[in-house]
Amino acid sequence: MQKTPRSAAAREAERLIFNQYTAGTVAYTNVITAQTTALGNEEAALTILQNRLVASSNLIQALGGGWDATQLPSDAQVKDGTQATAVRSVARNGATP
């Protein structure tokens, strides 16, 4: 997964706080808080990525990506133009020629 600047910064903060914990300068609850923040940021980034992928898929389908190859005319039909009207009908209605 590509890290966002926010999740990368949260992971860096987690690393720094863990180093402080191992040095004995902060309590472990600070480490837990930093880990929780980093995880929340990564979950948000994944949710955004999922929403973008779903939206892209829906766009492709809305633009006609839901056609089945059996609905398309053969090369010969395209070359001689016999299926031109039927292809336009499929494009408009989503019906089989």
PDB file of N, CA and C in Angstrom:
ATOM      1  N   MET A   1       0.832  -1.172   0.000  1.00  0.00           N
ATOM      2  CA  MET A   1       0.000   0.000   0.000  1.00  0.00           C
ATOM      3  C   MET A   1       0.881   1.241   0.000  1.00  0.00           C
ATOM      4  N   GLN A   2       0.498   2.210  -0.814  1.00  0.00           N
ATOM      5  CA  GLN A   2       1.229   3.463  -0.835  1.00  0.00           C
ATOM      6  C   GLN A   2       0.826   4.264   0.398  1.00  0.00           C
ATOM      7  N   LYS A   3       1.815   4.702   1.145  1.00  0.00           N
ATOM      8  CA  LYS A   3       1.527   5.450   2.362  1.00  0.00           C
ATOM      9  C   LYS A   3       1.235   6.901   2.028  1.00  0.00           C
ATOM     10  N   THR A   4       0.235   7.428   2.710  1.00  0.00           N
ATOM     11  CA  THR A   4      -0.066   8.845   2.580  1.00  0.00           C
ATOM     12  C   THR A   4       0.870   9.624   3.485  1.00  0.00           C
ATOM     13  N   PRO A   5       1.028  10.909   3.244  1.00  0.00           N
ATOM     14  CA  PRO A   5       1.891  11.713   4.126  1.00  0.00           C
ATOM     15  C   PRO A   5       1.430  11.653   5.584  1.00  0.00           C
ATOM     16  N   ARG A   6       0.117  11.600   5.758  1.00  0.00           N
ATOM     17  CA  ARG A   6      -0.418  11.557   7.126  1.00  0.00           C
ATOM     18  C   ARG A   6      -0.066  10.248   7.815  1.00  0.00           C
ATOM     19  N   SER A   7      -0.225   9.114   7.115  1.00  0.00           N
ATOM     20  CA  SER A   7       0.087   7.829   7.743  1.00  0.00           C
ATOM     21  C   SER A   7       1.594   7.664   7.933  1.00  0.00           C
ATOM     22  N   ALA A   8       2.392   8.199   7.009  1.00  0.00           N
ATOM     23  CA  ALA A   8       3.844   8.128   7.166  1.00  0.00           C
ATOM     24  C   ALA A   8       4.294   8.949   8.374  1.00  0.00           C
ATOM     25  N   ALA A   9       3.695  10.119   8.553  1.00  0.00           N
ATOM     26  CA  ALA A   9       4.039  10.958   9.704  1.00  0.00           C
ATOM     27  C   ALA A   9       3.623  10.289  11.008  1.00  0.00           C
ATOM     28  N   ALA A  10       2.468   9.629  10.992  1.00  0.00           N
ATOM     29  CA  ALA A  10       2.010   8.939  12.202  1.00  0.00           C
ATOM     30  C   ALA A  10       2.936   7.772  12.547  1.00  0.00           C
ATOM     31  N   ARG A  11       3.406   7.048  11.542  1.00  0.00           N
ATOM     32  CA  ARG A  11       4.344   5.940  11.795  1.00  0.00           C
ATOM     33  C   ARG A  11       5.688   6.468  12.309  1.00  0.00           C
ATOM     34  N   GLU A  12       6.112   7.604  11.792  1.00  0.00           N
ATOM     35  CA  GLU A  12       7.357   8.210  12.275  1.00  0.00           C
ATOM     36  C   GLU A  12       7.199   8.659  13.725  1.00  0.00           C
ATOM     37  N   ALA A  13       6.055   9.250  14.049  1.00  0.00           N
ATOM     38  CA  ALA A  13       5.789   9.655  15.435  1.00  0.00           C
ATOM     39  C   ALA A  13       5.757   8.437  16.345  1.00  0.00           C
ATOM     40  N   GLU A  14       5.171   7.354  15.856  1.00  0.00           N
ATOM     41  CA  GLU A  14       5.137   6.107  16.634  1.00  0.00           C
ATOM     42  C   GLU A  14       6.557   5.612  16.902  1.00  0.00           C
ATOM     43  N   ARG A  15       7.400   5.652  15.900  1.00  0.00           N
ATOM     44  CA  ARG A  15       8.785   5.205  16.058  1.00  0.00           C
ATOM     45  C   ARG A  15       9.529   6.058  17.086  1.00  0.00           C
ATOM     46  N   LEU A  16       9.342   7.370  16.990  1.00  0.00           N
ATOM     47  CA  LEU A  16      10.014   8.272  17.925  1.00  0.00           C
ATOM     48  C   LEU A  16       9.539   8.059  19.367  1.00  0.00           C
ATOM     49  N   ILE A  17       8.239   7.905  19.524  1.00  0.00           N
ATOM     50  CA  ILE A  17       7.700   7.693  20.874  1.00  0.00           C
ATOM     51  C   ILE A  17       8.148   6.347  21.426  1.00  0.00           C
ATOM     52  N   PHE A  18       8.241   5.326  20.567  1.00  0.00           N
ATOM     53  CA  PHE A  18       8.729   4.032  21.040  1.00  0.00           C
ATOM     54  C   PHE A  18      10.184   4.149  21.505  1.00  0.00           C
ATOM     55  N   ASN A  19      10.981   4.908  20.759  1.00  0.00           N
ATOM     56  CA  ASN A  19      12.373   5.135  21.174  1.00  0.00           C
ATOM     57  C   ASN A  19      12.429   5.856  22.521  1.00  0.00           C
ATOM     58  N   GLN A  20      11.532   6.811  22.718  1.00  0.00           N
ATOM     59  CA  GLN A  20      11.475   7.503  24.002  1.00  0.00           C
ATOM     60  C   GLN A  20      11.069   6.545  25.116  1.00  0.00           C
ATOM     61  N   TYR A  21      10.144   5.638  24.797  1.00  0.00           N
ATOM     62  CA  TYR A  21       9.721   4.647  25.789  1.00  0.00           C
ATOM     63  C   TYR A  21      10.886   3.730  26.175  1.00  0.00           C
ATOM     64  N   THR A  22      11.638   3.268  25.168  1.00  0.00           N
ATOM     65  CA  THR A  22      12.759   2.378  25.479  1.00  0.00           C
ATOM     66  C   THR A  22      13.862   3.101  26.247  1.00  0.00           C
ATOM     67  N   ALA A  23      13.929   4.434  26.060  1.00  0.00           N
ATOM     68  CA  ALA A  23      14.897   5.219  26.835  1.00  0.00           C
ATOM     69  C   ALA A  23      14.383   5.521  28.238  1.00  0.00           C
ATOM     70  N   GLY A  24      13.094   5.245  28.472  1.00  0.00           N
ATOM     71  CA  GLY A  24      12.524   5.458  29.798  1.00  0.00           C
ATOM     72  C   GLY A  24      12.003   6.848  30.052  1.00  0.00           C
ATOM     73  N   THR A  25      11.773   7.624  29.004  1.00  0.00           N
ATOM     74  CA  THR A  25      11.319   9.004  29.206  1.00  0.00           C
ATOM     75  C   THR A  25       9.811   9.183  29.096  1.00  0.00           C
ATOM     76  N   VAL A  26       9.098   8.220  28.508  1.00  0.00           N
ATOM     77  CA  VAL A  26       7.631   8.314  28.412  1.00  0.00           C
ATOM     78  C   VAL A  26       7.013   6.977  28.814  1.00  0.00           C
ATOM     79  N   ALA A  27       5.730   7.023  29.161  1.00  0.00           N
ATOM     80  CA  ALA A  27       5.004   5.807  29.543  1.00  0.00           C
ATOM     81  C   ALA A  27       4.574   5.031  28.301  1.00  0.00           C
ATOM     82  N   TYR A  28       4.266   3.742  28.497  1.00  0.00           N
ATOM     83  CA  TYR A  28       3.865   2.902  27.365  1.00  0.00           C
ATOM     84  C   TYR A  28       2.522   3.333  26.787  1.00  0.00           C
ATOM     85  N   THR A  29       1.692   3.991  27.571  1.00  0.00           N
ATOM     86  CA  THR A  29       0.406   4.467  27.049  1.00  0.00           C
ATOM     87  C   THR A  29       0.616   5.451  25.891  1.00  0.00           C
ATOM     88  N   ASN A  30       1.717   6.184  25.927  1.00  0.00           N
ATOM     89  CA  ASN A  30       2.029   7.076  24.802  1.00  0.00           C
ATOM     90  C   ASN A  30       2.295   6.271  23.529  1.00  0.00           C
ATOM     91  N   VAL A  31       2.971   5.129  23.654  1.00  0.00           N
ATOM     92  CA  VAL A  31       3.237   4.261  22.509  1.00  0.00           C
ATOM     93  C   VAL A  31       1.923   3.729  21.950  1.00  0.00           C
ATOM     94  N   ILE A  32       1.040   3.287  22.851  1.00  0.00           N
ATOM     95  CA  ILE A  32      -0.250   2.748  22.420  1.00  0.00           C
ATOM     96  C   ILE A  32      -1.061   3.823  21.692  1.00  0.00           C
ATOM     97  N   THR A  33      -1.044   5.034  22.210  1.00  0.00           N
ATOM     98  CA  THR A  33      -1.772   6.136  21.571  1.00  0.00           C
ATOM     99  C   THR A  33      -1.207   6.417  20.177  1.00  0.00           C
ATOM    100  N   ALA A  34       0.093   6.427  20.043  1.00  0.00           N
ATOM    101  CA  ALA A  34       0.720   6.662  18.732  1.00  0.00           C
ATOM    102  C   ALA A  34       0.390   5.532  17.766  1.00  0.00           C
ATOM    103  N   GLN A  35       0.386   4.281  18.242  1.00  0.00           N
ATOM    104  CA  GLN A  35       0.045   3.144  17.381  1.00  0.00           C
ATOM    105  C   GLN A  35      -1.412   3.219  16.933  1.00  0.00           C
ATOM    106  N   THR A  36      -2.288   3.612  17.847  1.00  0.00           N
ATOM    107  CA  THR A  36      -3.710   3.737  17.518  1.00  0.00           C
ATOM    108  C   THR A  36      -3.918   4.811  16.456  1.00  0.00           C
ATOM    109  N   THR A  37      -3.237   5.920  16.593  1.00  0.00           N
ATOM    110  CA  THR A  37      -3.342   7.004  15.609  1.00  0.00           C
ATOM    111  C   THR A  37      -2.830   6.545  14.247  1.00  0.00           C
ATOM    112  N   ALA A  38      -1.690   5.872  14.227  1.00  0.00           N
ATOM    113  CA  ALA A  38      -1.121   5.390  12.962  1.00  0.00           C
ATOM    114  C   ALA A  38      -2.056   4.387  12.290  1.00  0.00           C
ATOM    115  N   LEU A  39      -2.613   3.488  13.066  1.00  0.00           N
ATOM    116  CA  LEU A  39      -3.533   2.495  12.500  1.00  0.00           C
ATOM    117  C   LEU A  39      -4.783   3.165  11.947  1.00  0.00           C
ATOM    118  N   GLY A  40      -5.321   4.134  12.677  1.00  0.00           N
ATOM    119  CA  GLY A  40      -6.501   4.861  12.190  1.00  0.00           C
ATOM    120  C   GLY A  40      -6.235   5.571  10.876  1.00  0.00           C
ATOM    121  N   ASN A  41      -5.056   6.180  10.758  1.00  0.00           N
ATOM    122  CA  ASN A  41      -4.701   6.859   9.508  1.00  0.00           C
ATOM    123  C   ASN A  41      -4.558   5.880   8.353  1.00  0.00           C
ATOM    124  N   GLU A  42      -3.975   4.722   8.610  1.00  0.00           N
ATOM    125  CA  GLU A  42      -3.827   3.727   7.549  1.00  0.00           C
ATOM    126  C   GLU A  42      -5.176   3.136   7.148  1.00  0.00           C
ATOM    127  N   GLU A  43      -6.062   2.937   8.108  1.00  0.00           N
ATOM    128  CA  GLU A  43      -7.406   2.459   7.786  1.00  0.00           C
ATOM    129  C   GLU A  43      -8.152   3.485   6.932  1.00  0.00           C
ATOM    130  N   ALA A  44      -8.015   4.761   7.267  1.00  0.00           N
ATOM    131  CA  ALA A  44      -8.659   5.818   6.478  1.00  0.00           C
ATOM    132  C   ALA A  44      -8.109   5.836   5.054  1.00  0.00           C
ATOM    133  N   ALA A  45      -6.804   5.663   4.910  1.00  0.00           N
ATOM    134  CA  ALA A  45      -6.197   5.638   3.573  1.00  0.00           C
ATOM    135  C   ALA A  45      -6.716   4.453   2.758  1.00  0.00           C
ATOM    136  N   LEU A  46      -6.873   3.305   3.408  1.00  0.00           N
ATOM    137  CA  LEU A  46      -7.407   2.130   2.706  1.00  0.00           C
ATOM    138  C   LEU A  46      -8.866   2.329   2.310  1.00  0.00           C
ATOM    139  N   THR A  47      -9.636   2.959   3.170  1.00  0.00           N
ATOM    140  CA  THR A  47     -11.038   3.238   2.850  1.00  0.00           C
ATOM    141  C   THR A  47     -11.134   4.177   1.655  1.00  0.00           C
ATOM    142  N   ILE A  48     -10.285   5.187   1.619  1.00  0.00           N
ATOM    143  CA  ILE A  48     -10.280   6.117   0.488  1.00  0.00           C
ATOM    144  C   ILE A  48      -9.896   5.385  -0.794  1.00  0.00           C
ATOM    145  N   LEU A  49      -8.880   4.528  -0.726  1.00  0.00           N
ATOM    146  CA  LEU A  49      -8.469   3.758  -1.904  1.00  0.00           C
ATOM    147  C   LEU A  49      -9.591   2.843  -2.372  1.00  0.00           C
ATOM    148  N   GLN A  50     -10.266   2.183  -1.438  1.00  0.00           N
ATOM    149  CA  GLN A  50     -11.383   1.301  -1.790  1.00  0.00           C
ATOM    150  C   GLN A  50     -12.487   2.100  -2.474  1.00  0.00           C
ATOM    151  N   ASN A  51     -12.825   3.266  -1.938  1.00  0.00           N
ATOM    152  CA  ASN A  51     -13.868   4.094  -2.544  1.00  0.00           C
ATOM    153  C   ASN A  51     -13.485   4.545  -3.950  1.00  0.00           C
ATOM    154  N   ARG A  52     -12.201   4.872  -4.145  1.00  0.00           N
ATOM    155  CA  ARG A  52     -11.754   5.270  -5.475  1.00  0.00           C
ATOM    156  C   ARG A  52     -11.847   4.121  -6.467  1.00  0.00           C
ATOM    157  N   LEU A  53     -11.475   2.913  -6.036  1.00  0.00           N
ATOM    158  CA  LEU A  53     -11.544   1.754  -6.931  1.00  0.00           C
ATOM    159  C   LEU A  53     -12.987   1.413  -7.290  1.00  0.00           C
ATOM    160  N   VAL A  54     -13.883   1.488  -6.319  1.00  0.00           N
ATOM    161  CA  VAL A  54     -15.306   1.224  -6.593  1.00  0.00           C
ATOM    162  C   VAL A  54     -15.861   2.273  -7.546  1.00  0.00           C
ATOM    163  N   ALA A  55     -15.512   3.537  -7.321  1.00  0.00           N
ATOM    164  CA  ALA A  55     -15.984   4.602  -8.212  1.00  0.00           C
ATOM    165  C   ALA A  55     -15.448   4.413  -9.629  1.00  0.00           C
ATOM    166  N   SER A  56     -14.196   4.008  -9.768  1.00  0.00           N
ATOM    167  CA  SER A  56     -13.624   3.758 -11.092  1.00  0.00           C
ATOM    168  C   SER A  56     -14.347   2.612 -11.786  1.00  0.00           C
ATOM    169  N   SER A  57     -14.629   1.563 -11.047  1.00  0.00           N
ATOM    170  CA  SER A  57     -15.342   0.423 -11.605  1.00  0.00           C
ATOM    171  C   SER A  57     -16.749   0.824 -12.043  1.00  0.00           C
ATOM    172  N   ASN A  58     -17.429   1.604 -11.217  1.00  0.00           N
ATOM    173  CA  ASN A  58     -18.776   2.064 -11.569  1.00  0.00           C
ATOM    174  C   ASN A  58     -18.754   2.961 -12.803  1.00  0.00           C
ATOM    175  N   LEU A  59     -17.732   3.798 -12.927  1.00  0.00           N
ATOM    176  CA  LEU A  59     -17.609   4.657 -14.098  1.00  0.00           C
ATOM    177  C   LEU A  59     -17.409   3.833 -15.361  1.00  0.00           C
ATOM    178  N   ILE A  60     -16.540   2.847 -15.289  1.00  0.00           N
ATOM    179  CA  ILE A  60     -16.295   1.987 -16.454  1.00  0.00           C
ATOM    180  C   ILE A  60     -17.574   1.268 -16.862  1.00  0.00           C
ATOM    181  N   GLN A  61     -18.310   0.771 -15.876  1.00  0.00           N
ATOM    182  CA  GLN A  61     -19.566   0.085 -16.188  1.00  0.00           C
ATOM    183  C   GLN A  61     -20.582   1.060 -16.775  1.00  0.00           C
ATOM    184  N   ALA A  62     -20.664   2.279 -16.235  1.00  0.00           N
ATOM    185  CA  ALA A  62     -21.608   3.265 -16.743  1.00  0.00           C
ATOM    186  C   ALA A  62     -21.273   3.697 -18.168  1.00  0.00           C
ATOM    187  N   LEU A  63     -20.007   3.643 -18.528  1.00  0.00           N
ATOM    188  CA  LEU A  63     -19.594   4.021 -19.879  1.00  0.00           C
ATOM    189  C   LEU A  63     -19.715   2.870 -20.868  1.00  0.00           C
ATOM    190  N   GLY A  64     -20.228   1.748 -20.420  1.00  0.00           N
ATOM    191  CA  GLY A  64     -20.447   0.636 -21.329  1.00  0.00           C
ATOM    192  C   GLY A  64     -19.547  -0.543 -21.078  1.00  0.00           C
ATOM    193  N   GLY A  65     -18.802  -0.537 -20.035  1.00  0.00           N
ATOM    194  CA  GLY A  65     -17.886  -1.627 -19.741  1.00  0.00           C
ATOM    195  C   GLY A  65     -18.571  -2.906 -19.307  1.00  0.00           C
ATOM    196  N   GLY A  66     -19.889  -2.877 -19.146  1.00  0.00           N
ATOM    197  CA  GLY A  66     -20.614  -4.059 -18.718  1.00  0.00           C
ATOM    198  C   GLY A  66     -21.045  -4.958 -19.863  1.00  0.00           C
ATOM    199  N   TRP A  67     -20.671  -4.630 -21.084  1.00  0.00           N
ATOM    200  CA  TRP A  67     -21.057  -5.448 -22.221  1.00  0.00           C
ATOM    201  C   TRP A  67     -20.388  -6.799 -22.159  1.00  0.00           C
ATOM    202  N   ASP A  68     -21.060  -7.765 -22.683  1.00  0.00           N
ATOM    203  CA  ASP A  68     -20.511  -9.099 -22.844  1.00  0.00           C
ATOM    204  C   ASP A  68     -20.011  -9.199 -24.285  1.00  0.00           C
ATOM    205  N   ALA A  69     -18.916  -9.868 -24.505  1.00  0.00           N
ATOM    206  CA  ALA A  69     -18.337  -9.983 -25.843  1.00  0.00           C
ATOM    207  C   ALA A  69     -19.308 -10.615 -26.834  1.00  0.00           C
ATOM    208  N   THR A  70     -20.227 -11.442 -26.370  1.00  0.00           N
ATOM    209  CA  THR A  70     -21.196 -12.072 -27.276  1.00  0.00           C
ATOM    210  C   THR A  70     -22.187 -11.063 -27.835  1.00  0.00           C
ATOM    211  N   GLN A  71     -22.316  -9.891 -27.219  1.00  0.00           N
ATOM    212  CA  GLN A  71     -23.243  -8.868 -27.701  1.00  0.00           C
ATOM    213  C   GLN A  71     -22.647  -8.043 -28.845  1.00  0.00           C
ATOM    214  N   LEU A  72     -21.349  -8.148 -29.050  1.00  0.00           N
ATOM    215  CA  LEU A  72     -20.692  -7.343 -30.078  1.00  0.00           C
ATOM    216  C   LEU A  72     -20.727  -8.049 -31.421  1.00  0.00           C
ATOM    217  N   PRO A  73     -20.795  -7.275 -32.516  1.00  0.00           N
ATOM    218  CA  PRO A  73     -20.804  -7.886 -33.848  1.00  0.00           C
ATOM    219  C   PRO A  73     -19.430  -8.449 -34.200  1.00  0.00           C
ATOM    220  N   SER A  74     -19.433  -9.377 -35.151  1.00  0.00           N
ATOM    221  CA  SER A  74     -18.167  -9.956 -35.609  1.00  0.00           C
ATOM    222  C   SER A  74     -17.435  -8.950 -36.486  1.00  0.00           C
ATOM    223  N   ASP A  75     -16.167  -9.248 -36.798  1.00  0.00           N
ATOM    224  CA  ASP A  75     -15.381  -8.365 -37.667  1.00  0.00           C
ATOM    225  C   ASP A  75     -16.046  -8.205 -39.029  1.00  0.00           C
ATOM    226  N   ALA A  76     -16.545  -9.311 -39.576  1.00  0.00           N
ATOM    227  CA  ALA A  76     -17.171  -9.268 -40.895  1.00  0.00           C
ATOM    228  C   ALA A  76     -18.415  -8.378 -40.882  1.00  0.00           C
ATOM    229  N   GLN A  77     -19.206  -8.463 -39.809  1.00  0.00           N
ATOM    230  CA  GLN A  77     -20.409  -7.637 -39.713  1.00  0.00           C
ATOM    231  C   GLN A  77     -20.055  -6.155 -39.599  1.00  0.00           C
ATOM    232  N   VAL A  78     -18.982  -5.855 -38.909  1.00  0.00           N
ATOM    233  CA  VAL A  78     -18.559  -4.459 -38.775  1.00  0.00           C
ATOM    234  C   VAL A  78     -18.067  -3.937 -40.116  1.00  0.00           C
ATOM    235  N   LYS A  79     -17.303  -4.772 -40.854  1.00  0.00           N
ATOM    236  CA  LYS A  79     -16.738  -4.341 -42.133  1.00  0.00           C
ATOM    237  C   LYS A  79     -17.816  -4.062 -43.170  1.00  0.00           C
ATOM    238  N   ASP A  80     -18.859  -4.903 -43.223  1.00  0.00           N
ATOM    239  CA  ASP A  80     -19.889  -4.673 -44.250  1.00  0.00           C
ATOM    240  C   ASP A  80     -21.026  -3.784 -43.743  1.00  0.00           C
ATOM    241  N   GLY A  81     -21.016  -3.408 -42.459  1.00  0.00           N
ATOM    242  CA  GLY A  81     -21.982  -2.447 -41.943  1.00  0.00           C
ATOM    243  C   GLY A  81     -23.354  -3.007 -41.645  1.00  0.00           C
ATOM    244  N   THR A  82     -23.542  -4.323 -41.691  1.00  0.00           N
ATOM    245  CA  THR A  82     -24.871  -4.895 -41.470  1.00  0.00           C
ATOM    246  C   THR A  82     -25.327  -4.777 -40.026  1.00  0.00           C
ATOM    247  N   GLN A  83     -24.395  -4.631 -39.112  1.00  0.00           N
ATOM    248  CA  GLN A  83     -24.776  -4.566 -37.702  1.00  0.00           C
ATOM    249  C   GLN A  83     -24.708  -3.148 -37.139  1.00  0.00           C
ATOM    250  N   ALA A  84     -24.507  -2.136 -37.959  1.00  0.00           N
ATOM    251  CA  ALA A  84     -24.341  -0.777 -37.451  1.00  0.00           C
ATOM    252  C   ALA A  84     -25.554  -0.313 -36.655  1.00  0.00           C
ATOM    253  N   THR A  85     -26.750  -0.579 -37.181  1.00  0.00           N
ATOM    254  CA  THR A  85     -27.965  -0.154 -36.486  1.00  0.00           C
ATOM    255  C   THR A  85     -28.127  -0.912 -35.174  1.00  0.00           C
ATOM    256  N   ALA A  86     -27.856  -2.202 -35.194  1.00  0.00           N
ATOM    257  CA  ALA A  86     -27.987  -3.005 -33.982  1.00  0.00           C
ATOM    258  C   ALA A  86     -26.978  -2.585 -32.919  1.00  0.00           C
ATOM    259  N   VAL A  87     -25.770  -2.233 -33.341  1.00  0.00           N
ATOM    260  CA  VAL A  87     -24.743  -1.799 -32.387  1.00  0.00           C
ATOM    261  C   VAL A  87     -25.170  -0.496 -31.735  1.00  0.00           C
ATOM    262  N   ARG A  88     -25.740   0.439 -32.507  1.00  0.00           N
ATOM    263  CA  ARG A  88     -26.226   1.686 -31.926  1.00  0.00           C
ATOM    264  C   ARG A  88     -27.337   1.408 -30.934  1.00  0.00           C
ATOM    265  N   SER A  89     -28.193   0.439 -31.228  1.00  0.00           N
ATOM    266  CA  SER A  89     -29.277   0.060 -30.329  1.00  0.00           C
ATOM    267  C   SER A  89     -28.712  -0.492 -29.014  1.00  0.00           C
ATOM    268  N   VAL A  90     -27.695  -1.310 -29.088  1.00  0.00           N
ATOM    269  CA  VAL A  90     -27.072  -1.866 -27.887  1.00  0.00           C
ATOM    270  C   VAL A  90     -26.474  -0.735 -27.072  1.00  0.00           C
ATOM    271  N   ALA A  91     -25.820   0.204 -27.734  1.00  0.00           N
ATOM    272  CA  ALA A  91     -25.187   1.319 -27.029  1.00  0.00           C
ATOM    273  C   ALA A  91     -26.221   2.164 -26.293  1.00  0.00           C
ATOM    274  N   ARG A  92     -27.389   2.342 -26.920  1.00  0.00           N
ATOM    275  CA  ARG A  92     -28.431   3.167 -26.287  1.00  0.00           C
ATOM    276  C   ARG A  92     -29.193   2.421 -25.207  1.00  0.00           C
ATOM    277  N   ASN A  93     -29.555   1.195 -25.485  1.00  0.00           N
ATOM    278  CA  ASN A  93     -30.485   0.473 -24.618  1.00  0.00           C
ATOM    279  C   ASN A  93     -29.850  -0.626 -23.781  1.00  0.00           C
ATOM    280  N   GLY A  94     -28.656  -1.041 -24.121  1.00  0.00           N
ATOM    281  CA  GLY A  94     -28.036  -2.165 -23.418  1.00  0.00           C
ATOM    282  C   GLY A  94     -28.652  -3.494 -23.798  1.00  0.00           C
ATOM    283  N   ALA A  95     -29.457  -3.505 -24.892  1.00  0.00           N
ATOM    284  CA  ALA A  95     -30.120  -4.724 -25.338  1.00  0.00           C
ATOM    285  C   ALA A  95     -29.219  -5.509 -26.267  1.00  0.00           C
ATOM    286  N   THR A  96     -29.505  -6.787 -26.416  1.00  0.00           N
ATOM    287  CA  THR A  96     -28.743  -7.645 -27.316  1.00  0.00           C
ATOM    288  C   THR A  96     -29.200  -7.396 -28.739  1.00  0.00           C
ATOM    289  N   PRO A  97     -28.248  -7.269 -29.709  1.00  0.00           N
ATOM    290  CA  PRO A  97     -28.651  -7.033 -31.114  1.00  0.00           C
ATOM    291  C   PRO A  97     -29.410  -8.208 -31.677  1.00  0.00           C
TER     292      PRO A  97
END
